[in-house]
PDB file of N, CA and C in Angstrom:
ATOM      1  N   GLU A   1     170.286 -39.483 138.708  1.00  0.00           N
ATOM      2  CA  GLU A   1     171.436 -40.528 138.042  1.00  0.00           C
ATOM      3  C   GLU A   1     171.237 -42.186 137.515  1.00  0.00           C
ATOM      4  N   VAL A   2     171.467 -42.583 139.081  1.00  0.00           N
ATOM      5  CA  VAL A   2     171.972 -43.561 139.687  1.00  0.00           C
ATOM      6  C   VAL A   2     170.659 -44.403 139.103  1.00  0.00           C
ATOM      7  N   CYS A   3     169.690 -44.109 139.143  1.00  0.00           N
ATOM      8  CA  CYS A   3     168.177 -44.890 138.720  1.00  0.00           C
ATOM      9  C   CYS A   3     167.924 -44.627 137.415  1.00  0.00           C
ATOM     10  N   GLU A   4     168.318 -43.784 136.518  1.00  0.00           N
ATOM     11  CA  GLU A   4     168.550 -43.815 135.222  1.00  0.00           C
ATOM     12  C   GLU A   4     169.294 -44.422 134.788  1.00  0.00           C
ATOM     13  N   ARG A   5     170.162 -44.543 135.087  1.00  0.00           N
ATOM     14  CA  ARG A   5     171.237 -45.669 134.428  1.00  0.00           C
ATOM     15  C   ARG A   5     170.999 -47.062 134.430  1.00  0.00           C
ATOM     16  N   ASP A   6     170.099 -47.357 135.384  1.00  0.00           N
ATOM     17  CA  ASP A   6     170.214 -48.741 136.028  1.00  0.00           C
ATOM     18  C   ASP A   6     168.353 -49.092 135.807  1.00  0.00           C
ATOM     19  N   GLY A   7     168.483 -47.730 135.403  1.00  0.00           N
ATOM     20  CA  GLY A   7     166.337 -48.558 135.454  1.00  0.00           C
ATOM     21  C   GLY A   7     165.486 -48.913 136.642  1.00  0.00           C
ATOM     22  N   LEU A   8     165.941 -48.492 137.959  1.00  0.00           N
ATOM     23  CA  LEU A   8     165.559 -48.459 138.843  1.00  0.00           C
ATOM     24  C   LEU A   8     165.141 -47.579 139.688  1.00  0.00           C
ATOM     25  N   ASP A   9     164.017 -47.905 140.344  1.00  0.00           N
ATOM     26  CA  ASP A   9     163.444 -46.898 141.336  1.00  0.00           C
ATOM     27  C   ASP A   9     164.435 -46.369 142.693  1.00  0.00           C
ATOM     28  N   LEU A  10     163.951 -45.790 143.123  1.00  0.00           N
ATOM     29  CA  LEU A  10     165.081 -45.017 144.639  1.00  0.00           C
ATOM     30  C   LEU A  10     164.521 -46.541 145.529  1.00  0.00           C
ATOM     31  N   PHE A  11     163.632 -46.868 145.381  1.00  0.00           N
ATOM     32  CA  PHE A  11     162.826 -48.051 146.611  1.00  0.00           C
ATOM     33  C   PHE A  11     164.005 -48.842 146.114  1.00  0.00           C
ATOM     34  N   THR A  12     163.751 -49.642 144.829  1.00  0.00           N
ATOM     35  CA  THR A  12     164.706 -51.210 144.515  1.00  0.00           C
ATOM     36  C   THR A  12     165.739 -50.699 144.784  1.00  0.00           C
ATOM     37  N   MET A  13     166.566 -49.500 144.312  1.00  0.00           N
ATOM     38  CA  MET A  13     168.356 -49.150 144.380  1.00  0.00           C
ATOM     39  C   MET A  13     168.473 -49.409 145.831  1.00  0.00           C
ATOM     40  N   LEU A  14     167.363 -48.940 147.007  1.00  0.00           N
ATOM     41  CA  LEU A  14     168.336 -48.931 148.171  1.00  0.00           C
ATOM     42  C   LEU A  14     167.623 -50.277 148.934  1.00  0.00           C
ATOM     43  N   PHE A  15     166.978 -50.783 148.815  1.00  0.00           N
ATOM     44  CA  PHE A  15     166.544 -52.042 149.389  1.00  0.00           C
ATOM     45  C   PHE A  15     166.445 -53.142 148.727  1.00  0.00           C
ATOM     46  N   SER A  16     167.217 -53.519 147.427  1.00  0.00           N
ATOM     47  CA  SER A  16     166.981 -54.546 146.814  1.00  0.00           C
ATOM     48  C   SER A  16     167.959 -55.113 146.447  1.00  0.00           C
ATOM     49  N   GLU A  17     169.238 -55.568 147.213  1.00  0.00           N
ATOM     50  CA  GLU A  17     170.734 -56.114 147.260  1.00  0.00           C
ATOM     51  C   GLU A  17     170.798 -57.257 146.210  1.00  0.00           C
ATOM     52  N   THR A  18     171.388 -57.736 145.044  1.00  0.00           N
ATOM     53  CA  THR A  18     171.412 -58.810 144.559  1.00  0.00           C
ATOM     54  C   THR A  18     172.478 -59.229 144.627  1.00  0.00           C
ATOM     55  N   GLN A  19     172.603 -60.664 143.789  1.00  0.00           N
ATOM     56  CA  GLN A  19     174.110 -60.890 143.970  1.00  0.00           C
ATOM     57  C   GLN A  19     175.358 -59.923 143.002  1.00  0.00           C
ATOM     58  N   GLY A  20     174.722 -59.270 142.649  1.00  0.00           N
ATOM     59  CA  GLY A  20     175.570 -58.232 141.460  1.00  0.00           C
ATOM     60  C   GLY A  20     175.628 -56.793 142.073  1.00  0.00           C
ATOM     61  N   ARG A  21     174.650 -56.191 143.204  1.00  0.00           N
ATOM     62  CA  ARG A  21     174.644 -55.133 143.599  1.00  0.00           C
ATOM     63  C   ARG A  21     174.346 -55.296 145.766  1.00  0.00           C
ATOM     64  N   ALA A  22     175.350 -54.143 145.840  1.00  0.00           N
ATOM     65  CA  ALA A  22     174.733 -53.911 147.289  1.00  0.00           C
ATOM     66  C   ALA A  22     175.480 -52.603 147.633  1.00  0.00           C
ATOM     67  N   VAL A  23     174.579 -52.298 148.870  1.00  0.00           N
ATOM     68  CA  VAL A  23     174.577 -51.265 149.279  1.00  0.00           C
ATOM     69  C   VAL A  23     176.196 -50.987 150.903  1.00  0.00           C
ATOM     70  N   VAL A  24     176.806 -49.956 150.520  1.00  0.00           N
ATOM     71  CA  VAL A  24     177.856 -50.229 151.008  1.00  0.00           C
ATOM     72  C   VAL A  24     178.069 -48.794 151.803  1.00  0.00           C
ATOM     73  N   ALA A  25     178.967 -48.701 153.032  1.00  0.00           N
ATOM     74  CA  ALA A  25     178.742 -47.232 153.605  1.00  0.00           C
ATOM     75  C   ALA A  25     180.148 -47.082 153.430  1.00  0.00           C
ATOM     76  N   VAL A  26     180.873 -45.847 152.954  1.00  0.00           N
ATOM     77  CA  VAL A  26     182.091 -45.900 152.949  1.00  0.00           C
ATOM     78  C   VAL A  26     182.555 -44.081 153.465  1.00  0.00           C
ATOM     79  N   PRO A  27     183.664 -44.149 154.144  1.00  0.00           N
ATOM     80  CA  PRO A  27     183.744 -43.224 155.098  1.00  0.00           C
ATOM     81  C   PRO A  27     184.442 -41.823 153.871  1.00  0.00           C
ATOM     82  N   ARG A  28     184.169 -40.682 154.096  1.00  0.00           N
ATOM     83  CA  ARG A  28     184.373 -39.720 153.088  1.00  0.00           C
ATOM     84  C   ARG A  28     185.715 -39.967 152.646  1.00  0.00           C
ATOM     85  N   SER A  29     186.144 -40.152 154.114  1.00  0.00           N
ATOM     86  CA  SER A  29     188.227 -40.295 153.722  1.00  0.00           C
ATOM     87  C   SER A  29     188.684 -41.303 152.866  1.00  0.00           C
ATOM     88  N   GLU A  30     187.582 -42.394 152.471  1.00  0.00           N
ATOM     89  CA  GLU A  30     188.020 -43.048 151.915  1.00  0.00           C
ATOM     90  C   GLU A  30     187.553 -43.131 150.129  1.00  0.00           C
ATOM     91  N   GLU A  31     186.495 -42.124 149.855  1.00  0.00           N
ATOM     92  CA  GLU A  31     186.121 -42.392 148.785  1.00  0.00           C
ATOM     93  C   GLU A  31     186.653 -42.521 147.396  1.00  0.00           C
ATOM     94  N   VAL A  32     188.084 -42.122 147.816  1.00  0.00           N
ATOM     95  CA  VAL A  32     188.384 -42.245 146.573  1.00  0.00           C
ATOM     96  C   VAL A  32     189.277 -43.354 146.216  1.00  0.00           C
ATOM     97  N   ARG A  33     189.501 -43.883 147.320  1.00  0.00           N
ATOM     98  CA  ARG A  33     190.122 -45.249 147.271  1.00  0.00           C
ATOM     99  C   ARG A  33     189.354 -46.360 146.800  1.00  0.00           C
ATOM    100  N   PHE A  34     188.110 -45.934 147.215  1.00  0.00           N
ATOM    101  CA  PHE A  34     186.951 -47.227 147.111  1.00  0.00           C
ATOM    102  C   PHE A  34     186.840 -46.942 145.458  1.00  0.00           C
ATOM    103  N   LYS A  35     186.578 -45.721 144.912  1.00  0.00           N
ATOM    104  CA  LYS A  35     186.552 -45.826 143.484  1.00  0.00           C
ATOM    105  C   LYS A  35     187.394 -46.400 142.831  1.00  0.00           C
ATOM    106  N   ASP A  36     188.615 -46.155 143.278  1.00  0.00           N
ATOM    107  CA  ASP A  36     189.897 -46.203 142.303  1.00  0.00           C
ATOM    108  C   ASP A  36     189.848 -47.807 142.744  1.00  0.00           C
ATOM    109  N   MET A  37     189.336 -48.692 143.460  1.00  0.00           N
ATOM    110  CA  MET A  37     189.328 -49.828 143.682  1.00  0.00           C
ATOM    111  C   MET A  37     188.475 -50.776 142.648  1.00  0.00           C
ATOM    112  N   CYS A  38     187.196 -49.831 142.606  1.00  0.00           N
ATOM    113  CA  CYS A  38     185.895 -50.345 141.877  1.00  0.00           C
ATOM    114  C   CYS A  38     186.335 -50.417 140.516  1.00  0.00           C
ATOM    115  N   THR A  39     187.064 -49.154 140.259  1.00  0.00           N
ATOM    116  CA  THR A  39     187.582 -49.162 138.891  1.00  0.00           C
ATOM    117  C   THR A  39     188.480 -50.046 138.095  1.00  0.00           C
ATOM    118  N   MET A  40     189.161 -49.843 139.036  1.00  0.00           N
ATOM    119  CA  MET A  40     190.270 -51.292 138.772  1.00  0.00           C
ATOM    120  C   MET A  40     190.274 -52.956 138.298  1.00  0.00           C
ATOM    121  N   ARG A  41     188.952 -52.855 139.413  1.00  0.00           N
ATOM    122  CA  ARG A  41     188.227 -54.000 138.707  1.00  0.00           C
ATOM    123  C   ARG A  41     187.172 -54.461 138.233  1.00  0.00           C
ATOM    124  N   ASN A  42     186.868 -52.877 137.310  1.00  0.00           N
ATOM    125  CA  ASN A  42     185.350 -52.977 136.539  1.00  0.00           C
ATOM    126  C   ASN A  42     184.383 -53.116 136.898  1.00  0.00           C
ATOM    127  N   TYR A  43     184.252 -52.635 138.301  1.00  0.00           N
ATOM    128  CA  TYR A  43     183.116 -52.596 139.265  1.00  0.00           C
ATOM    129  C   TYR A  43     182.384 -51.496 138.968  1.00  0.00           C
ATOM    130  N   PRO A  44     181.085 -51.581 138.518  1.00  0.00           N
ATOM    131  CA  PRO A  44     180.033 -50.581 138.178  1.00  0.00           C
ATOM    132  C   PRO A  44     180.015 -49.994 139.793  1.00  0.00           C
ATOM    133  N   PHE A  45     179.782 -48.733 140.165  1.00  0.00           N
ATOM    134  CA  PHE A  45     179.714 -48.194 141.694  1.00  0.00           C
ATOM    135  C   PHE A  45     178.705 -46.595 140.923  1.00  0.00           C
ATOM    136  N   ALA A  46     178.335 -46.612 142.284  1.00  0.00           N
ATOM    137  CA  ALA A  46     177.575 -45.123 142.584  1.00  0.00           C
ATOM    138  C   ALA A  46     177.110 -44.559 143.889  1.00  0.00           C
ATOM    139  N   ARG A  47     177.687 -42.864 143.673  1.00  0.00           N
ATOM    140  CA  ARG A  47     177.094 -43.001 145.587  1.00  0.00           C
ATOM    141  C   ARG A  47     175.503 -42.428 144.946  1.00  0.00           C
ATOM    142  N   ILE A  48     174.693 -43.073 146.343  1.00  0.00           N
ATOM    143  CA  ILE A  48     173.329 -42.725 146.041  1.00  0.00           C
ATOM    144  C   ILE A  48     172.528 -41.978 147.563  1.00  0.00           C
ATOM    145  N   GLY A  49     173.719 -41.505 148.132  1.00  0.00           N
ATOM    146  CA  GLY A  49     173.318 -40.725 149.248  1.00  0.00           C
ATOM    147  C   GLY A  49     174.788 -41.021 150.109  1.00  0.00           C
ATOM    148  N   VAL A  50     174.435 -39.400 151.179  1.00  0.00           N
ATOM    149  CA  VAL A  50     175.456 -39.479 151.863  1.00  0.00           C
ATOM    150  C   VAL A  50     175.167 -39.099 153.667  1.00  0.00           C
ATOM    151  N   VAL A  51     175.934 -39.151 154.321  1.00  0.00           N
ATOM    152  CA  VAL A  51     175.269 -39.265 155.671  1.00  0.00           C
ATOM    153  C   VAL A  51     175.634 -37.382 155.692  1.00  0.00           C
ATOM    154  N   ASP A  52     174.665 -37.083 156.566  1.00  0.00           N
ATOM    155  CA  ASP A  52     174.794 -35.806 157.203  1.00  0.00           C
ATOM    156  C   ASP A  52     174.869 -35.566 158.602  1.00  0.00           C
ATOM    157  N   ALA A  53     175.843 -35.291 158.998  1.00  0.00           N
ATOM    158  CA  ALA A  53     176.381 -35.179 160.573  1.00  0.00           C
ATOM    159  C   ALA A  53     175.796 -34.062 161.015  1.00  0.00           C
ATOM    160  N   VAL A  54     175.142 -33.161 160.106  1.00  0.00           N
ATOM    161  CA  VAL A  54     175.017 -31.955 161.028  1.00  0.00           C
ATOM    162  C   VAL A  54     173.558 -32.266 161.197  1.00  0.00           C
ATOM    163  N   ASN A  55     172.568 -32.379 160.296  1.00  0.00           N
ATOM    164  CA  ASN A  55     171.462 -32.669 160.607  1.00  0.00           C
ATOM    165  C   ASN A  55     171.032 -34.586 160.928  1.00  0.00           C
ATOM    166  N   ASP A  56     172.160 -35.026 161.526  1.00  0.00           N
ATOM    167  CA  ASP A  56     172.220 -36.661 161.725  1.00  0.00           C
ATOM    168  C   ASP A  56     170.606 -37.444 160.964  1.00  0.00           C
ATOM    169  N   ALA A  57     171.360 -37.577 159.547  1.00  0.00           N
ATOM    170  CA  ALA A  57     170.299 -37.625 158.609  1.00  0.00           C
ATOM    171  C   ALA A  57     171.401 -38.385 157.571  1.00  0.00           C
ATOM    172  N   LEU A  58     170.430 -39.382 156.940  1.00  0.00           N
ATOM    173  CA  LEU A  58     171.261 -40.058 155.373  1.00  0.00           C
ATOM    174  C   LEU A  58     170.434 -38.836 154.513  1.00  0.00           C
ATOM    175  N   ASP A  59     170.889 -38.566 153.341  1.00  0.00           N
ATOM    176  CA  ASP A  59     170.169 -37.920 152.626  1.00  0.00           C
ATOM    177  C   ASP A  59     170.588 -38.617 151.105  1.00  0.00           C
ATOM    178  N   LEU A  60     169.442 -39.156 150.828  1.00  0.00           N
ATOM    179  CA  LEU A  60     169.508 -40.167 149.322  1.00  0.00           C
ATOM    180  C   LEU A  60     169.055 -38.976 148.206  1.00  0.00           C
ATOM    181  N   MET A  61     170.271 -39.265 147.891  1.00  0.00           N
ATOM    182  CA  MET A  61     170.047 -38.441 146.254  1.00  0.00           C
ATOM    183  C   MET A  61     169.360 -37.292 146.350  1.00  0.00           C
ATOM    184  N   GLY A  62     169.585 -36.522 147.602  1.00  0.00           N
ATOM    185  CA  GLY A  62     168.555 -35.363 147.223  1.00  0.00           C
ATOM    186  C   GLY A  62     166.799 -35.622 147.347  1.00  0.00           C
ATOM    187  N   ALA A  63     166.464 -36.885 147.268  1.00  0.00           N
ATOM    188  CA  ALA A  63     164.986 -36.957 146.994  1.00  0.00           C
ATOM    189  C   ALA A  63     164.707 -36.981 148.370  1.00  0.00           C
ATOM    190  N   THR A  64     165.076 -37.252 149.549  1.00  0.00           N
ATOM    191  CA  THR A  64     164.317 -37.387 150.638  1.00  0.00           C
ATOM    192  C   THR A  64     165.901 -37.490 151.768  1.00  0.00           C
ATOM    193  N   ARG A  65     165.146 -37.609 153.067  1.00  0.00           N
ATOM    194  CA  ARG A  65     166.399 -37.207 154.186  1.00  0.00           C
ATOM    195  C   ARG A  65     165.808 -38.401 155.346  1.00  0.00           C
ATOM    196  N   VAL A  66     166.690 -39.154 155.614  1.00  0.00           N
ATOM    197  CA  VAL A  66     165.760 -40.067 156.542  1.00  0.00           C
ATOM    198  C   VAL A  66     166.818 -39.887 157.813  1.00  0.00           C
ATOM    199  N   PRO A  67     166.033 -39.741 158.728  1.00  0.00           N
ATOM    200  CA  PRO A  67     167.143 -39.470 159.760  1.00  0.00           C
ATOM    201  C   PRO A  67     167.654 -40.523 160.684  1.00  0.00           C
ATOM    202  N   LEU A  68     168.837 -40.228 160.850  1.00  0.00           N
ATOM    203  CA  LEU A  68     169.721 -41.519 161.915  1.00  0.00           C
ATOM    204  C   LEU A  68     169.245 -42.525 162.649  1.00  0.00           C
ATOM    205  N   PRO A  69     168.123 -41.651 163.932  1.00  0.00           N
ATOM    206  CA  PRO A  69     167.931 -42.085 164.976  1.00  0.00           C
ATOM    207  C   PRO A  69     167.001 -43.441 164.643  1.00  0.00           C
ATOM    208  N   GLY A  70     166.172 -43.049 163.841  1.00  0.00           N
ATOM    209  CA  GLY A  70     165.387 -43.951 163.169  1.00  0.00           C
ATOM    210  C   GLY A  70     165.549 -45.067 162.297  1.00  0.00           C
ATOM    211  N   LEU A  71     166.844 -44.817 161.855  1.00  0.00           N
ATOM    212  CA  LEU A  71     167.535 -46.039 161.096  1.00  0.00           C
ATOM    213  C   LEU A  71     167.898 -47.178 161.722  1.00  0.00           C
ATOM    214  N   ARG A  72     168.315 -46.273 163.312  1.00  0.00           N
ATOM    215  CA  ARG A  72     169.223 -46.684 163.735  1.00  0.00           C
ATOM    216  C   ARG A  72     168.607 -47.686 164.763  1.00  0.00           C
ATOM    217  N   GLN A  73     167.472 -46.913 164.946  1.00  0.00           N
ATOM    218  CA  GLN A  73     166.206 -48.462 165.589  1.00  0.00           C
ATOM    219  C   GLN A  73     165.649 -49.419 164.992  1.00  0.00           C
ATOM    220  N   ALA A  74     165.285 -49.304 163.765  1.00  0.00           N
ATOM    221  CA  ALA A  74     164.939 -50.211 163.075  1.00  0.00           C
ATOM    222  C   ALA A  74     165.770 -50.764 162.914  1.00  0.00           C
ATOM    223  N   HIS A  75     166.919 -50.741 162.801  1.00  0.00           N
ATOM    224  CA  HIS A  75     168.720 -52.025 162.475  1.00  0.00           C
ATOM    225  C   HIS A  75     168.409 -52.496 163.932  1.00  0.00           C
ATOM    226  N   GLU A  76     168.301 -51.855 164.688  1.00  0.00           N
ATOM    227  CA  GLU A  76     168.553 -52.483 166.321  1.00  0.00           C
ATOM    228  C   GLU A  76     167.665 -53.517 166.668  1.00  0.00           C
ATOM    229  N   SER A  77     166.353 -53.016 166.342  1.00  0.00           N
ATOM    230  CA  SER A  77     165.277 -53.830 166.677  1.00  0.00           C
ATOM    231  C   SER A  77     164.581 -54.969 166.293  1.00  0.00           C
ATOM    232  N   THR A  78     164.837 -54.873 164.940  1.00  0.00           N
ATOM    233  CA  THR A  78     164.357 -56.108 163.902  1.00  0.00           C
ATOM    234  C   THR A  78     164.230 -57.299 164.037  1.00  0.00           C
ATOM    235  N   LEU A  79     165.440 -57.673 164.693  1.00  0.00           N
ATOM    236  CA  LEU A  79     165.603 -59.064 164.989  1.00  0.00           C
ATOM    237  C   LEU A  79     165.142 -59.243 166.220  1.00  0.00           C
ATOM    238  N   PRO A  80     165.494 -59.079 167.477  1.00  0.00           N
ATOM    239  CA  PRO A  80     164.685 -58.619 168.492  1.00  0.00           C
ATOM    240  C   PRO A  80     163.225 -58.724 168.445  1.00  0.00           C
ATOM    241  N   THR A  81     162.266 -57.993 167.596  1.00  0.00           N
ATOM    242  CA  THR A  81     161.084 -57.834 167.861  1.00  0.00           C
ATOM    243  C   THR A  81     160.194 -59.183 167.273  1.00  0.00           C
ATOM    244  N   TYR A  82     161.033 -59.499 165.938  1.00  0.00           N
ATOM    245  CA  TYR A  82     161.003 -60.683 165.837  1.00  0.00           C
ATOM    246  C   TYR A  82     160.741 -62.268 166.535  1.00  0.00           C
ATOM    247  N   PHE A  83     161.784 -62.559 167.145  1.00  0.00           N
ATOM    248  CA  PHE A  83     162.442 -63.425 167.721  1.00  0.00           C
ATOM    249  C   PHE A  83     162.717 -63.244 169.031  1.00  0.00           C
ATOM    250  N   GLY A  84     162.617 -62.388 169.459  1.00  0.00           N
ATOM    251  CA  GLY A  84     162.990 -62.596 170.924  1.00  0.00           C
ATOM    252  C   GLY A  84     164.521 -61.857 171.369  1.00  0.00           C
TER     253      GLY A  84
END
């Protein structure tokens, strides 16, 4: 749905943040509030995935699941790997 609307593939949608597009994580308890804030400001938004706490994974639009431990390791080790 999101990719079709914006003409983007899944990789671009997830890893190509721009001045006009950003990926944000919103707790489920704040989802309605976040949507309302975006709507009030006429900011487009779309849910592109959800964290599945039961399986400890990020479910990306039903297309793939990414294990959270792997994401965490990649996030925490990238800069130390390159810059010591």
